[in-house]
PDB file of N, CA and C in Angstrom:
ATOM      1  N   MET A   1      -7.213  29.813 -44.963  1.00  0.00           N
ATOM      2  CA  MET A   1      -8.238  30.423 -45.797  1.00  0.00           C
ATOM      3  C   MET A   1      -7.577  31.515 -46.626  1.00  0.00           C
ATOM      4  N   GLN A   2      -7.985  31.620 -47.871  1.00  0.00           N
ATOM      5  CA  GLN A   2      -7.442  32.579 -48.826  1.00  0.00           C
ATOM      6  C   GLN A   2      -8.383  33.783 -48.906  1.00  0.00           C
ATOM      7  N   ALA A   3      -7.849  35.015 -48.940  1.00  0.00           N
ATOM      8  CA  ALA A   3      -8.663  36.228 -49.041  1.00  0.00           C
ATOM      9  C   ALA A   3      -8.548  36.810 -50.444  1.00  0.00           C
ATOM     10  N   ILE A   4      -9.690  37.044 -51.069  1.00  0.00           N
ATOM     11  CA  ILE A   4      -9.768  37.621 -52.407  1.00  0.00           C
ATOM     12  C   ILE A   4     -10.687  38.830 -52.321  1.00  0.00           C
ATOM     13  N   GLU A   5     -10.299  39.920 -52.954  1.00  0.00           N
ATOM     14  CA  GLU A   5     -11.146  41.117 -52.965  1.00  0.00           C
ATOM     15  C   GLU A   5     -11.558  41.438 -54.395  1.00  0.00           C
ATOM     16  N   PHE A   6     -12.852  41.731 -54.590  1.00  0.00           N
ATOM     17  CA  PHE A   6     -13.351  42.185 -55.883  1.00  0.00           C
ATOM     18  C   PHE A   6     -14.630  42.976 -55.641  1.00  0.00           C
ATOM     19  N   GLU A   7     -14.976  43.818 -56.597  1.00  0.00           N
ATOM     20  CA  GLU A   7     -16.221  44.576 -56.512  1.00  0.00           C
ATOM     21  C   GLU A   7     -17.271  43.886 -57.359  1.00  0.00           C
ATOM     22  N   SER A   8     -18.504  43.947 -56.893  1.00  0.00           N
ATOM     23  CA  SER A   8     -19.592  43.293 -57.596  1.00  0.00           C
ATOM     24  C   SER A   8     -20.889  44.003 -57.266  1.00  0.00           C
ATOM     25  N   ASN A   9     -21.962  43.574 -57.873  1.00  0.00           N
ATOM     26  CA  ASN A   9     -23.294  44.097 -57.605  1.00  0.00           C
ATOM     27  C   ASN A   9     -24.209  42.951 -57.216  1.00  0.00           C
ATOM     28  N   LEU A  10     -25.174  43.257 -56.371  1.00  0.00           N
ATOM     29  CA  LEU A  10     -26.207  42.286 -56.028  1.00  0.00           C
ATOM     30  C   LEU A  10     -27.381  42.484 -56.973  1.00  0.00           C
ATOM     31  N   HIS A  11     -27.852  41.422 -57.563  1.00  0.00           N
ATOM     32  CA  HIS A  11     -29.003  41.451 -58.464  1.00  0.00           C
ATOM     33  C   HIS A  11     -29.990  40.395 -57.992  1.00  0.00           C
ATOM     34  N   ASN A  12     -31.144  40.844 -57.495  1.00  0.00           N
ATOM     35  CA  ASN A  12     -32.173  39.928 -57.001  1.00  0.00           C
ATOM     36  C   ASN A  12     -31.614  38.947 -55.972  1.00  0.00           C
ATOM     37  N   GLY A  13     -30.750  39.448 -55.097  1.00  0.00           N
ATOM     38  CA  GLY A  13     -30.196  38.614 -54.043  1.00  0.00           C
ATOM     39  C   GLY A  13     -29.026  37.743 -54.474  1.00  0.00           C
ATOM     40  N   LEU A  14     -28.594  37.861 -55.727  1.00  0.00           N
ATOM     41  CA  LEU A  14     -27.475  37.052 -56.227  1.00  0.00           C
ATOM     42  C   LEU A  14     -26.247  37.934 -56.399  1.00  0.00           C
ATOM     43  N   LEU A  15     -25.109  37.429 -56.011  1.00  0.00           N
ATOM     44  CA  LEU A  15     -23.854  38.146 -56.114  1.00  0.00           C
ATOM     45  C   LEU A  15     -23.101  37.673 -57.348  1.00  0.00           C
ATOM     46  N   SER A  16     -22.695  38.601 -58.181  1.00  0.00           N
ATOM     47  CA  SER A  16     -21.907  38.248 -59.365  1.00  0.00           C
ATOM     48  C   SER A  16     -20.465  38.010 -58.949  1.00  0.00           C
ATOM     49  N   VAL A  17     -19.932  36.868 -59.339  1.00  0.00           N
ATOM     50  CA  VAL A  17     -18.550  36.496 -59.004  1.00  0.00           C
ATOM     51  C   VAL A  17     -17.721  36.577 -60.282  1.00  0.00           C
ATOM     52  N   PRO A  18     -16.534  37.221 -60.218  1.00  0.00           N
ATOM     53  CA  PRO A  18     -15.693  37.307 -61.414  1.00  0.00           C
ATOM     54  C   PRO A  18     -15.372  35.928 -61.971  1.00  0.00           C
ATOM     55  N   GLN A  19     -15.191  35.881 -63.270  1.00  0.00           N
ATOM     56  CA  GLN A  19     -14.995  34.607 -63.964  1.00  0.00           C
ATOM     57  C   GLN A  19     -13.816  33.812 -63.409  1.00  0.00           C
ATOM     58  N   GLN A  20     -12.752  34.495 -62.993  1.00  0.00           N
ATOM     59  CA  GLN A  20     -11.578  33.763 -62.511  1.00  0.00           C
ATOM     60  C   GLN A  20     -11.827  33.009 -61.211  1.00  0.00           C
ATOM     61  N   PHE A  21     -12.971  33.271 -60.550  1.00  0.00           N
ATOM     62  CA  PHE A  21     -13.291  32.552 -59.317  1.00  0.00           C
ATOM     63  C   PHE A  21     -14.498  31.632 -59.474  1.00  0.00           C
ATOM     64  N   GLN A  22     -15.073  31.562 -60.638  1.00  0.00           N
ATOM     65  CA  GLN A  22     -16.263  30.741 -60.826  1.00  0.00           C
ATOM     66  C   GLN A  22     -15.945  29.253 -60.784  1.00  0.00           C
ATOM     67  N   HIS A  23     -14.690  28.876 -60.902  1.00  0.00           N
ATOM     68  CA  HIS A  23     -14.324  27.455 -60.789  1.00  0.00           C
ATOM     69  C   HIS A  23     -14.371  26.992 -59.328  1.00  0.00           C
ATOM     70  N   TRP A  24     -14.620  27.914 -58.407  1.00  0.00           N
ATOM     71  CA  TRP A  24     -14.744  27.575 -56.998  1.00  0.00           C
ATOM     72  C   TRP A  24     -16.122  27.024 -56.677  1.00  0.00           C
ATOM     73  N   GLN A  25     -16.877  26.661 -57.666  1.00  0.00           N
ATOM     74  CA  GLN A  25     -18.217  26.089 -57.495  1.00  0.00           C
ATOM     75  C   GLN A  25     -18.171  24.979 -56.441  1.00  0.00           C
ATOM     76  N   ASN A  26     -19.122  24.978 -55.530  1.00  0.00           N
ATOM     77  CA  ASN A  26     -19.246  23.981 -54.455  1.00  0.00           C
ATOM     78  C   ASN A  26     -18.122  24.048 -53.421  1.00  0.00           C
ATOM     79  N   ARG A  27     -17.328  25.111 -53.463  1.00  0.00           N
ATOM     80  CA  ARG A  27     -16.275  25.293 -52.461  1.00  0.00           C
ATOM     81  C   ARG A  27     -16.836  26.175 -51.344  1.00  0.00           C
ATOM     82  N   ARG A  28     -16.544  25.839 -50.101  1.00  0.00           N
ATOM     83  CA  ARG A  28     -17.032  26.642 -48.977  1.00  0.00           C
ATOM     84  C   ARG A  28     -16.262  27.955 -48.943  1.00  0.00           C
ATOM     85  N   VAL A  29     -16.990  29.082 -48.910  1.00  0.00           N
ATOM     86  CA  VAL A  29     -16.378  30.406 -48.871  1.00  0.00           C
ATOM     87  C   VAL A  29     -17.030  31.239 -47.767  1.00  0.00           C
ATOM     88  N   LYS A  30     -16.335  32.254 -47.327  1.00  0.00           N
ATOM     89  CA  LYS A  30     -16.865  33.198 -46.356  1.00  0.00           C
ATOM     90  C   LYS A  30     -17.000  34.540 -47.074  1.00  0.00           C
ATOM     91  N   VAL A  31     -18.166  35.166 -46.976  1.00  0.00           N
ATOM     92  CA  VAL A  31     -18.430  36.415 -47.690  1.00  0.00           C
ATOM     93  C   VAL A  31     -18.640  37.537 -46.684  1.00  0.00           C
ATOM     94  N   ILE A  32     -17.957  38.651 -46.905  1.00  0.00           N
ATOM     95  CA  ILE A  32     -18.145  39.864 -46.110  1.00  0.00           C
ATOM     96  C   ILE A  32     -18.591  40.950 -47.083  1.00  0.00           C
ATOM     97  N   LEU A  33     -19.759  41.536 -46.860  1.00  0.00           N
ATOM     98  CA  LEU A  33     -20.282  42.577 -47.749  1.00  0.00           C
ATOM     99  C   LEU A  33     -20.015  43.946 -47.148  1.00  0.00           C
ATOM    100  N   LEU A  34     -19.405  44.822 -47.922  1.00  0.00           N
ATOM    101  CA  LEU A  34     -19.194  46.206 -47.532  1.00  0.00           C
ATOM    102  C   LEU A  34     -19.916  47.068 -48.557  1.00  0.00           C
ATOM    103  N   ALA A  35     -20.936  47.793 -48.122  1.00  0.00           N
ATOM    104  CA  ALA A  35     -21.717  48.611 -49.043  1.00  0.00           C
ATOM    105  C   ALA A  35     -21.226  50.049 -49.003  1.00  0.00           C
ATOM    106  N   ASP A  36     -21.048  50.644 -50.178  1.00  0.00           N
ATOM    107  CA  ASP A  36     -20.672  52.039 -50.284  1.00  0.00           C
ATOM    108  C   ASP A  36     -21.955  52.858 -50.343  1.00  0.00           C
ATOM    109  N   ASP A  37     -22.385  53.376 -49.195  1.00  0.00           N
ATOM    110  CA  ASP A  37     -23.647  54.098 -49.121  1.00  0.00           C
ATOM    111  C   ASP A  37     -23.623  55.415 -49.881  1.00  0.00           C
ATOM    112  N   ASN A  38     -22.447  55.939 -50.148  1.00  0.00           N
ATOM    113  CA  ASN A  38     -22.341  57.209 -50.856  1.00  0.00           C
ATOM    114  C   ASN A  38     -22.217  57.038 -52.361  1.00  0.00           C
ATOM    115  N   ALA A  39     -22.137  55.818 -52.813  1.00  0.00           N
ATOM    116  CA  ALA A  39     -21.966  55.581 -54.244  1.00  0.00           C
ATOM    117  C   ALA A  39     -23.273  55.826 -54.982  1.00  0.00           C
ATOM    118  N   ALA A  40     -23.170  56.454 -56.127  1.00  0.00           N
ATOM    119  CA  ALA A  40     -24.342  56.674 -56.978  1.00  0.00           C
ATOM    120  C   ALA A  40     -24.709  55.354 -57.649  1.00  0.00           C
ATOM    121  N   PRO A  41     -25.973  55.150 -57.946  1.00  0.00           N
ATOM    122  CA  PRO A  41     -26.359  53.929 -58.657  1.00  0.00           C
ATOM    123  C   PRO A  41     -25.669  53.861 -60.018  1.00  0.00           C
ATOM    124  N   PRO A  42     -25.495  52.657 -60.562  1.00  0.00           N
ATOM    125  CA  PRO A  42     -24.853  52.541 -61.871  1.00  0.00           C
ATOM    126  C   PRO A  42     -25.547  53.423 -62.893  1.00  0.00           C
ATOM    127  N   ASN A  43     -24.780  54.070 -63.722  1.00  0.00           N
ATOM    128  CA  ASN A  43     -25.243  54.925 -64.807  1.00  0.00           C
ATOM    129  C   ASN A  43     -25.846  56.241 -64.325  1.00  0.00           C
ATOM    130  N   ALA A  44     -25.852  56.504 -63.026  1.00  0.00           N
ATOM    131  CA  ALA A  44     -26.387  57.769 -62.530  1.00  0.00           C
ATOM    132  C   ALA A  44     -25.525  58.927 -63.005  1.00  0.00           C
ATOM    133  N   ASP A  45     -24.210  58.736 -63.086  1.00  0.00           N
ATOM    134  CA  ASP A  45     -23.343  59.817 -63.544  1.00  0.00           C
ATOM    135  C   ASP A  45     -23.664  60.199 -64.983  1.00  0.00           C
ATOM    136  N   VAL A  46     -24.035  59.227 -65.803  1.00  0.00           N
ATOM    137  CA  VAL A  46     -24.423  59.514 -67.182  1.00  0.00           C
ATOM    138  C   VAL A  46     -25.688  60.369 -67.196  1.00  0.00           C
ATOM    139  N   LEU A  47     -26.660  60.002 -66.358  1.00  0.00           N
ATOM    140  CA  LEU A  47     -27.895  60.765 -66.269  1.00  0.00           C
ATOM    141  C   LEU A  47     -27.633  62.192 -65.803  1.00  0.00           C
ATOM    142  N   PHE A  48     -26.812  62.349 -64.768  1.00  0.00           N
ATOM    143  CA  PHE A  48     -26.512  63.687 -64.257  1.00  0.00           C
ATOM    144  C   PHE A  48     -25.802  64.533 -65.313  1.00  0.00           C
ATOM    145  N   ASN A  49     -24.917  63.927 -66.089  1.00  0.00           N
ATOM    146  CA  ASN A  49     -24.237  64.666 -67.155  1.00  0.00           C
ATOM    147  C   ASN A  49     -25.216  65.106 -68.229  1.00  0.00           C
ATOM    148  N   LEU A  50     -26.164  64.264 -68.584  1.00  0.00           N
ATOM    149  CA  LEU A  50     -27.180  64.641 -69.570  1.00  0.00           C
ATOM    150  C   LEU A  50     -28.043  65.786 -69.054  1.00  0.00           C
ATOM    151  N   LEU A  51     -28.431  65.729 -67.797  1.00  0.00           N
ATOM    152  CA  LEU A  51     -29.238  66.795 -67.222  1.00  0.00           C
ATOM    153  C   LEU A  51     -28.461  68.112 -67.170  1.00  0.00           C
ATOM    154  N   ALA A  52     -27.184  68.037 -66.883  1.00  0.00           N
ATOM    155  CA  ALA A  52     -26.357  69.242 -66.827  1.00  0.00           C
ATOM    156  C   ALA A  52     -26.213  69.889 -68.196  1.00  0.00           C
ATOM    157  N   ASP A  53     -26.345  69.106 -69.263  1.00  0.00           N
ATOM    158  CA  ASP A  53     -26.199  69.630 -70.621  1.00  0.00           C
ATOM    159  C   ASP A  53     -27.457  70.316 -71.139  1.00  0.00           C
ATOM    160  N   LEU A  54     -28.570  70.225 -70.407  1.00  0.00           N
ATOM    161  CA  LEU A  54     -29.801  70.869 -70.853  1.00  0.00           C
ATOM    162  C   LEU A  54     -29.646  72.385 -70.789  1.00  0.00           C
ATOM    163  N   SER A  55     -30.265  73.077 -71.726  1.00  0.00           N
ATOM    164  CA  SER A  55     -30.175  74.542 -71.746  1.00  0.00           C
ATOM    165  C   SER A  55     -30.935  75.132 -70.559  1.00  0.00           C
ATOM    166  N   ASP A  56     -30.576  76.359 -70.194  1.00  0.00           N
ATOM    167  CA  ASP A  56     -31.213  77.023 -69.057  1.00  0.00           C
ATOM    168  C   ASP A  56     -32.698  77.257 -69.284  1.00  0.00           C
ATOM    169  N   ASP A  57     -33.094  77.375 -70.557  1.00  0.00           N
ATOM    170  CA  ASP A  57     -34.508  77.637 -70.851  1.00  0.00           C
ATOM    171  C   ASP A  57     -35.287  76.363 -71.182  1.00  0.00           C
ATOM    172  N   PHE A  58     -34.724  75.211 -70.866  1.00  0.00           N
ATOM    173  CA  PHE A  58     -35.416  73.947 -71.130  1.00  0.00           C
ATOM    174  C   PHE A  58     -36.756  73.924 -70.410  1.00  0.00           C
ATOM    175  N   MET A  59     -37.815  73.737 -71.146  1.00  0.00           N
ATOM    176  CA  MET A  59     -39.195  73.672 -70.652  1.00  0.00           C
ATOM    177  C   MET A  59     -39.609  74.944 -69.898  1.00  0.00           C
ATOM    178  N   ALA A  60     -39.021  76.085 -70.277  1.00  0.00           N
ATOM    179  CA  ALA A  60     -39.378  77.348 -69.622  1.00  0.00           C
ATOM    180  C   ALA A  60     -40.855  77.672 -69.837  1.00  0.00           C
ATOM    181  N   ASP A  61     -41.410  77.231 -70.951  1.00  0.00           N
ATOM    182  CA  ASP A  61     -42.823  77.475 -71.249  1.00  0.00           C
ATOM    183  C   ASP A  61     -43.703  76.315 -70.814  1.00  0.00           C
ATOM    184  N   GLY A  62     -43.179  75.418 -70.025  1.00  0.00           N
ATOM    185  CA  GLY A  62     -43.945  74.249 -69.599  1.00  0.00           C
ATOM    186  C   GLY A  62     -43.918  73.189 -70.688  1.00  0.00           C
ATOM    187  N   ARG A  63     -44.868  72.300 -70.649  1.00  0.00           N
ATOM    188  CA  ARG A  63     -44.965  71.259 -71.673  1.00  0.00           C
ATOM    189  C   ARG A  63     -46.397  71.164 -72.139  1.00  0.00           C
ATOM    190  N   GLU A  64     -46.562  70.702 -73.349  1.00  0.00           N
ATOM    191  CA  GLU A  64     -47.900  70.544 -73.900  1.00  0.00           C
ATOM    192  C   GLU A  64     -48.453  69.204 -73.439  1.00  0.00           C
ATOM    193  N   GLN A  65     -49.492  69.276 -72.608  1.00  0.00           N
ATOM    194  CA  GLN A  65     -50.125  68.060 -72.110  1.00  0.00           C
ATOM    195  C   GLN A  65     -51.247  67.674 -73.061  1.00  0.00           C
ATOM    196  N   LEU A  66     -51.182  66.483 -73.588  1.00  0.00           N
ATOM    197  CA  LEU A  66     -52.250  66.003 -74.467  1.00  0.00           C
ATOM    198  C   LEU A  66     -53.511  65.764 -73.642  1.00  0.00           C
ATOM    199  N   PRO A  67     -54.679  65.894 -74.285  1.00  0.00           N
ATOM    200  CA  PRO A  67     -55.929  65.660 -73.540  1.00  0.00           C
ATOM    201  C   PRO A  67     -56.015  64.212 -73.045  1.00  0.00           C
ATOM    202  N   LEU A  68     -56.701  64.028 -71.931  1.00  0.00           N
ATOM    203  CA  LEU A  68     -56.897  62.709 -71.350  1.00  0.00           C
ATOM    204  C   LEU A  68     -57.693  61.833 -72.305  1.00  0.00           C
ATOM    205  N   GLN A  69     -57.237  60.616 -72.498  1.00  0.00           N
ATOM    206  CA  GLN A  69     -57.936  59.677 -73.369  1.00  0.00           C
ATOM    207  C   GLN A  69     -58.876  58.818 -72.539  1.00  0.00           C
ATOM    208  N   ILE A  70     -60.135  58.787 -72.937  1.00  0.00           N
ATOM    209  CA  ILE A  70     -61.128  57.931 -72.276  1.00  0.00           C
ATOM    210  C   ILE A  70     -61.248  56.654 -73.118  1.00  0.00           C
ATOM    211  N   ARG A  71     -61.042  55.538 -72.480  1.00  0.00           N
ATOM    212  CA  ARG A  71     -61.095  54.249 -73.201  1.00  0.00           C
ATOM    213  C   ARG A  71     -62.129  53.338 -72.549  1.00  0.00           C
ATOM    214  N   ASP A  72     -62.746  52.516 -73.374  1.00  0.00           N
ATOM    215  CA  ASP A  72     -63.678  51.512 -72.892  1.00  0.00           C
ATOM    216  C   ASP A  72     -62.907  50.346 -72.302  1.00  0.00           C
ATOM    217  N   ASP A  73     -63.441  49.718 -71.289  1.00  0.00           N
ATOM    218  CA  ASP A  73     -62.791  48.575 -70.650  1.00  0.00           C
ATOM    219  C   ASP A  73     -63.157  47.250 -71.320  1.00  0.00           C
ATOM    220  N   ASP A  74     -63.732  47.287 -72.505  1.00  0.00           N
ATOM    221  CA  ASP A  74     -64.172  46.055 -73.185  1.00  0.00           C
ATOM    222  C   ASP A  74     -63.045  45.157 -73.525  1.00  0.00           C
TER     223      ASP A  74
END
């Protein structure tokens, strides 16, 4: 048995396989999943960087809440 290591993400229960191994279609493989519990979700670092760039007085006066809209269910 051959051992190959690569990183991937699970999407709706499906594992993305790198293109160089996709020709293994219908080949019996053994999969071992190792989850990095400390890893931030994808793009979380971008979000944290954006939040860090906000000024200290961001929303210091709160926010203007628009009045509640009443709509007919017709």
